[in-house]
Amino acid sequence: MIAASTGAEGQALDQAAFLALTEPVLPTAYRLALAMLRPVVKAEEAVQAAMFKAWRHRNRFRPGAAMQPWLLAIVANECRAVRRSRWWSVLRWPGSLEASAERNDKESELDPAALRRAIKALPHDQRLAVVLRYYLDLSFDEMAQVLGISTKAVKSRTYRALDRLRLDPEVIDDENS
């Protein structure tokens, strides 16, 4: 494993070491951001911002630790920040009430787009658990490292998300009322 050095004379070595550690994780980080945010531009921006934050805080990375959980946690936090920004909520679905009703009728059919919409409707923590487990194929232990919680808590969060995905839309609407 490459260890990053510190000091003014080791600046180029720091950058090379950082790139060597993060480059293999970038495709996974991008898939995570894309699954959490969906528009390609937002996902790319989130990964770029996360990489910048990781570079700025590279001294917090423990030498000898795995880069993937550390970087994926930064990407997940950046995705959460993007979703919480006010422009994200303002620029939702354009369209009329008729188009919205037509979309709801189509969502009741079993298709991949409906599944993506259902996952997108999950709370952030549950959506993140589903994405890490089923899109990125991480084990529960790896998920626990990324999320900074126990393996038991990760399993519970994942099963709650799956349970929520199995509910009918009417039941979910009743829960929100």
C-alpha atoms as a PDB file:
ATOM      1  CA  MET A   1       0.000   0.000   0.000  1.00  0.00           C
ATOM      2  CA  ILE A   2       1.248   3.478  -0.815  1.00  0.00           C
ATOM      3  CA  ALA A   3       1.649   5.800   2.139  1.00  0.00           C
ATOM      4  CA  ALA A   4       1.405   9.539   1.629  1.00  0.00           C
ATOM      5  CA  SER A   5       4.322  11.582   2.888  1.00  0.00           C
ATOM      6  CA  THR A   6       4.154  15.059   4.339  1.00  0.00           C
ATOM      7  CA  GLY A   7       6.312  18.114   4.068  1.00  0.00           C
ATOM      8  CA  ALA A   8       7.083  20.697   1.409  1.00  0.00           C
ATOM      9  CA  GLU A   9       9.646  18.542  -0.412  1.00  0.00           C
ATOM     10  CA  GLY A  10       7.223  15.622  -0.630  1.00  0.00           C
ATOM     11  CA  GLN A  11       4.353  17.598  -2.206  1.00  0.00           C
ATOM     12  CA  ALA A  12       4.577  15.846  -5.603  1.00  0.00           C
ATOM     13  CA  LEU A  13       4.874  12.494  -3.851  1.00  0.00           C
ATOM     14  CA  ASP A  14       1.773  13.306  -1.796  1.00  0.00           C
ATOM     15  CA  GLN A  15      -0.227  13.983  -4.931  1.00  0.00           C
ATOM     16  CA  ALA A  16       1.009  10.838  -6.665  1.00  0.00           C
ATOM     17  CA  ALA A  17       0.280   8.704  -3.600  1.00  0.00           C
ATOM     18  CA  PHE A  18      -3.164  10.238  -3.195  1.00  0.00           C
ATOM     19  CA  LEU A  19      -4.006   9.598  -6.855  1.00  0.00           C
ATOM     20  CA  ALA A  20      -2.692   6.040  -6.645  1.00  0.00           C
ATOM     21  CA  LEU A  21      -4.967   5.346  -3.675  1.00  0.00           C
ATOM     22  CA  THR A  22      -8.106   7.091  -4.953  1.00  0.00           C
ATOM     23  CA  GLU A  23      -8.044   6.297  -8.662  1.00  0.00           C
ATOM     24  CA  PRO A  24      -9.182   2.652  -8.288  1.00  0.00           C
ATOM     25  CA  VAL A  25     -12.110   3.790  -6.098  1.00  0.00           C
ATOM     26  CA  LEU A  26     -13.369   6.520  -8.476  1.00  0.00           C
ATOM     27  CA  PRO A  27     -15.642   4.284 -10.624  1.00  0.00           C
ATOM     28  CA  THR A  28     -17.354   2.981  -7.477  1.00  0.00           C
ATOM     29  CA  ALA A  29     -17.635   6.516  -6.082  1.00  0.00           C
ATOM     30  CA  TYR A  30     -19.224   7.698  -9.324  1.00  0.00           C
ATOM     31  CA  ARG A  31     -21.715   4.806  -9.356  1.00  0.00           C
ATOM     32  CA  LEU A  32     -22.671   5.681  -5.779  1.00  0.00           C
ATOM     33  CA  ALA A  33     -23.205   9.351  -6.645  1.00  0.00           C
ATOM     34  CA  LEU A  34     -25.152   8.478  -9.786  1.00  0.00           C
ATOM     35  CA  ALA A  35     -27.449   6.130  -7.870  1.00  0.00           C
ATOM     36  CA  MET A  36     -28.004   8.709  -5.119  1.00  0.00           C
ATOM     37  CA  LEU A  37     -28.505  11.788  -7.316  1.00  0.00           C
ATOM     38  CA  ARG A  38     -29.339  10.391 -10.769  1.00  0.00           C
ATOM     39  CA  PRO A  39     -28.660  13.365 -13.073  1.00  0.00           C
ATOM     40  CA  VAL A  40     -25.216  12.670 -14.530  1.00  0.00           C
ATOM     41  CA  VAL A  41     -24.097  16.272 -14.065  1.00  0.00           C
ATOM     42  CA  LYS A  42     -25.040  16.291 -10.362  1.00  0.00           C
ATOM     43  CA  ALA A  43     -23.242  12.970  -9.812  1.00  0.00           C
ATOM     44  CA  GLU A  44     -20.091  14.196 -11.532  1.00  0.00           C
ATOM     45  CA  GLU A  45     -20.145  17.424  -9.520  1.00  0.00           C
ATOM     46  CA  ALA A  46     -20.636  15.509  -6.263  1.00  0.00           C
ATOM     47  CA  VAL A  47     -17.684  13.196  -6.968  1.00  0.00           C
ATOM     48  CA  GLN A  48     -15.522  16.142  -7.956  1.00  0.00           C
ATOM     49  CA  ALA A  49     -16.428  18.030  -4.772  1.00  0.00           C
ATOM     50  CA  ALA A  50     -15.847  14.890  -2.696  1.00  0.00           C
ATOM     51  CA  MET A  51     -12.419  14.377  -4.266  1.00  0.00           C
ATOM     52  CA  PHE A  52     -11.521  17.978  -3.503  1.00  0.00           C
ATOM     53  CA  LYS A  53     -12.613  17.532   0.123  1.00  0.00           C
ATOM     54  CA  ALA A  54     -10.693  14.256   0.353  1.00  0.00           C
ATOM     55  CA  TRP A  55      -7.579  15.974  -0.988  1.00  0.00           C
ATOM     56  CA  ARG A  56      -7.936  18.869   1.458  1.00  0.00           C
ATOM     57  CA  HIS A  57      -8.409  16.481   4.386  1.00  0.00           C
ATOM     58  CA  ARG A  58      -5.998  13.745   3.270  1.00  0.00           C
ATOM     59  CA  ASN A  59      -4.163  14.082   6.586  1.00  0.00           C
ATOM     60  CA  ARG A  60      -7.263  12.527   8.252  1.00  0.00           C
ATOM     61  CA  PHE A  61      -6.838   9.329   6.253  1.00  0.00           C
ATOM     62  CA  ARG A  62      -5.216   6.688   8.449  1.00  0.00           C
ATOM     63  CA  PRO A  63      -2.127   5.199   6.753  1.00  0.00           C
ATOM     64  CA  GLY A  64      -2.644   1.524   6.076  1.00  0.00           C
ATOM     65  CA  ALA A  65      -6.465   1.798   6.109  1.00  0.00           C
ATOM     66  CA  ALA A  66      -8.606   0.957   3.088  1.00  0.00           C
ATOM     67  CA  MET A  67      -9.317   3.953   0.880  1.00  0.00           C
ATOM     68  CA  GLN A  68     -12.730   2.772  -0.373  1.00  0.00           C
ATOM     69  CA  PRO A  69     -14.763   3.169   2.851  1.00  0.00           C
ATOM     70  CA  TRP A  70     -13.174   6.560   3.605  1.00  0.00           C
ATOM     71  CA  LEU A  71     -13.778   7.978   0.122  1.00  0.00           C
ATOM     72  CA  LEU A  72     -17.274   6.491  -0.250  1.00  0.00           C
ATOM     73  CA  ALA A  73     -18.273   8.075   3.065  1.00  0.00           C
ATOM     74  CA  ILE A  74     -17.145  11.470   1.743  1.00  0.00           C
ATOM     75  CA  VAL A  75     -19.062  10.917  -1.511  1.00  0.00           C
ATOM     76  CA  ALA A  76     -22.199   9.852   0.410  1.00  0.00           C
ATOM     77  CA  ASN A  77     -22.002  12.971   2.576  1.00  0.00           C
ATOM     78  CA  GLU A  78     -21.547  15.152  -0.498  1.00  0.00           C
ATOM     79  CA  CYS A  79     -24.618  13.528  -2.106  1.00  0.00           C
ATOM     80  CA  ARG A  80     -26.593  14.294   1.041  1.00  0.00           C
ATOM     81  CA  ALA A  81     -25.450  17.926   0.897  1.00  0.00           C
ATOM     82  CA  VAL A  82     -26.477  18.220  -2.750  1.00  0.00           C
ATOM     83  CA  ARG A  83     -29.920  16.752  -2.031  1.00  0.00           C
ATOM     84  CA  ARG A  84     -30.397  19.153   0.879  1.00  0.00           C
ATOM     85  CA  SER A  85     -29.480  22.238  -1.134  1.00  0.00           C
ATOM     86  CA  ARG A  86     -32.472  24.391  -1.883  1.00  0.00           C
ATOM     87  CA  TRP A  87     -31.980  24.398  -5.664  1.00  0.00           C
ATOM     88  CA  TRP A  88     -32.336  20.638  -5.772  1.00  0.00           C
ATOM     89  CA  SER A  89     -35.782  20.817  -4.214  1.00  0.00           C
ATOM     90  CA  VAL A  90     -36.870  23.797  -6.318  1.00  0.00           C
ATOM     91  CA  LEU A  91     -35.960  22.159  -9.624  1.00  0.00           C
ATOM     92  CA  ARG A  92     -38.052  19.015  -9.180  1.00  0.00           C
ATOM     93  CA  TRP A  93     -40.410  17.554 -11.780  1.00  0.00           C
ATOM     94  CA  PRO A  94     -41.859  20.141 -14.132  1.00  0.00           C
ATOM     95  CA  GLY A  95     -45.319  19.442 -15.479  1.00  0.00           C
ATOM     96  CA  SER A  96     -49.013  19.636 -14.860  1.00  0.00           C
ATOM     97  CA  LEU A  97     -51.194  17.715 -12.437  1.00  0.00           C
ATOM     98  CA  GLU A  98     -52.421  15.498 -15.287  1.00  0.00           C
ATOM     99  CA  ALA A  99     -48.847  14.510 -16.158  1.00  0.00           C
ATOM    100  CA  SER A 100     -48.208  13.772 -12.490  1.00  0.00           C
ATOM    101  CA  ALA A 101     -51.304  11.553 -12.250  1.00  0.00           C
ATOM    102  CA  GLU A 102     -50.299   9.763 -15.455  1.00  0.00           C
ATOM    103  CA  ARG A 103     -46.819   9.164 -14.003  1.00  0.00           C
ATOM    104  CA  ASN A 104     -48.355   7.687 -10.824  1.00  0.00           C
ATOM    105  CA  ASP A 105     -50.425   5.252 -12.925  1.00  0.00           C
ATOM    106  CA  LYS A 106     -47.296   4.124 -14.755  1.00  0.00           C
ATOM    107  CA  GLU A 107     -45.367   3.747 -11.476  1.00  0.00           C
ATOM    108  CA  SER A 108     -47.741   1.032 -10.306  1.00  0.00           C
ATOM    109  CA  GLU A 109     -46.473  -1.263 -13.081  1.00  0.00           C
ATOM    110  CA  LEU A 110     -43.435  -3.378 -12.278  1.00  0.00           C
ATOM    111  CA  ASP A 111     -40.582  -1.935 -14.342  1.00  0.00           C
ATOM    112  CA  PRO A 112     -37.008  -0.818 -13.704  1.00  0.00           C
ATOM    113  CA  ALA A 113     -37.906   2.875 -13.891  1.00  0.00           C
ATOM    114  CA  ALA A 114     -40.557   2.392 -11.192  1.00  0.00           C
ATOM    115  CA  LEU A 115     -38.007   0.633  -9.000  1.00  0.00           C
ATOM    116  CA  ARG A 116     -35.554   3.525  -9.460  1.00  0.00           C
ATOM    117  CA  ARG A 117     -38.288   6.009  -8.531  1.00  0.00           C
ATOM    118  CA  ALA A 118     -39.202   3.939  -5.464  1.00  0.00           C
ATOM    119  CA  ILE A 119     -35.568   3.825  -4.346  1.00  0.00           C
ATOM    120  CA  LYS A 120     -35.258   7.557  -4.959  1.00  0.00           C
ATOM    121  CA  ALA A 121     -38.292   8.106  -2.724  1.00  0.00           C
ATOM    122  CA  LEU A 122     -36.621   6.353   0.222  1.00  0.00           C
ATOM    123  CA  PRO A 123     -35.114   8.468   3.005  1.00  0.00           C
ATOM    124  CA  HIS A 124     -31.449   9.239   2.354  1.00  0.00           C
ATOM    125  CA  ASP A 125     -30.037   6.759   4.889  1.00  0.00           C
ATOM    126  CA  GLN A 126     -32.160   3.882   3.605  1.00  0.00           C
ATOM    127  CA  ARG A 127     -31.457   4.745  -0.052  1.00  0.00           C
ATOM    128  CA  LEU A 128     -27.732   4.828   0.733  1.00  0.00           C
ATOM    129  CA  ALA A 129     -27.943   1.377   2.327  1.00  0.00           C
ATOM    130  CA  VAL A 130     -29.736  -0.068  -0.724  1.00  0.00           C
ATOM    131  CA  VAL A 131     -27.271   1.514  -3.135  1.00  0.00           C
ATOM    132  CA  LEU A 132     -24.209   0.345  -1.212  1.00  0.00           C
ATOM    133  CA  ARG A 133     -25.545  -3.189  -0.849  1.00  0.00           C
ATOM    134  CA  TYR A 134     -27.244  -3.882  -4.189  1.00  0.00           C
ATOM    135  CA  TYR A 135     -25.684  -1.420  -6.646  1.00  0.00           C
ATOM    136  CA  LEU A 136     -22.099  -1.510  -5.355  1.00  0.00           C
ATOM    137  CA  ASP A 137     -22.225  -5.078  -3.941  1.00  0.00           C
ATOM    138  CA  LEU A 138     -20.573  -4.146  -0.651  1.00  0.00           C
ATOM    139  CA  SER A 139     -20.756  -6.567   2.244  1.00  0.00           C
ATOM    140  CA  PHE A 140     -22.508  -5.523   5.451  1.00  0.00           C
ATOM    141  CA  ASP A 141     -19.096  -5.115   7.111  1.00  0.00           C
ATOM    142  CA  GLU A 142     -17.877  -2.827   4.318  1.00  0.00           C
ATOM    143  CA  MET A 143     -21.118  -0.865   4.508  1.00  0.00           C
ATOM    144  CA  ALA A 144     -20.618  -0.423   8.254  1.00  0.00           C
ATOM    145  CA  GLN A 145     -17.176   1.056   7.583  1.00  0.00           C
ATOM    146  CA  VAL A 146     -18.540   3.473   4.967  1.00  0.00           C
ATOM    147  CA  LEU A 147     -21.472   4.573   7.121  1.00  0.00           C
ATOM    148  CA  GLY A 148     -19.576   4.601  10.410  1.00  0.00           C
ATOM    149  CA  ILE A 149     -22.156   2.465  12.204  1.00  0.00           C
ATOM    150  CA  SER A 150     -22.305  -1.130  13.438  1.00  0.00           C
ATOM    151  CA  THR A 151     -22.915  -4.070  11.126  1.00  0.00           C
ATOM    152  CA  LYS A 152     -26.144  -4.804  12.992  1.00  0.00           C
ATOM    153  CA  ALA A 153     -27.367  -1.237  12.373  1.00  0.00           C
ATOM    154  CA  VAL A 154     -26.506  -1.544   8.671  1.00  0.00           C
ATOM    155  CA  LYS A 155     -28.497  -4.762   8.384  1.00  0.00           C
ATOM    156  CA  SER A 156     -31.445  -3.183  10.166  1.00  0.00           C
ATOM    157  CA  ARG A 157     -31.363  -0.104   7.920  1.00  0.00           C
ATOM    158  CA  THR A 158     -31.149  -2.266   4.792  1.00  0.00           C
ATOM    159  CA  TYR A 159     -34.022  -4.526   5.834  1.00  0.00           C
ATOM    160  CA  ARG A 160     -36.194  -1.504   6.735  1.00  0.00           C
ATOM    161  CA  ALA A 161     -35.522  -0.062   3.281  1.00  0.00           C
ATOM    162  CA  LEU A 162     -36.417  -3.340   1.591  1.00  0.00           C
ATOM    163  CA  ASP A 163     -39.560  -3.606   3.685  1.00  0.00           C
ATOM    164  CA  ARG A 164     -40.548  -0.076   2.702  1.00  0.00           C
ATOM    165  CA  LEU A 165     -39.983  -0.882  -0.991  1.00  0.00           C
ATOM    166  CA  ARG A 166     -42.395  -3.814  -0.685  1.00  0.00           C
ATOM    167  CA  LEU A 167     -45.250  -1.600   0.572  1.00  0.00           C
ATOM    168  CA  ASP A 168     -48.024  -0.433  -1.721  1.00  0.00           C
ATOM    169  CA  PRO A 169     -47.988   3.282  -2.610  1.00  0.00           C
ATOM    170  CA  GLU A 170     -51.263   3.778  -0.690  1.00  0.00           C
ATOM    171  CA  VAL A 171     -49.663   2.476   2.520  1.00  0.00           C
ATOM    172  CA  ILE A 172     -46.670   4.790   2.116  1.00  0.00           C
ATOM    173  CA  ASP A 173     -49.016   7.745   1.505  1.00  0.00           C
ATOM    174  CA  ASP A 174     -50.976   6.841   4.666  1.00  0.00           C
ATOM    175  CA  GLU A 175     -47.740   6.753   6.689  1.00  0.00           C
ATOM    176  CA  ASN A 176     -46.813  10.266   5.529  1.00  0.00           C
ATOM    177  CA  SER A 177     -50.226  11.715   6.420  1.00  0.00           C
END
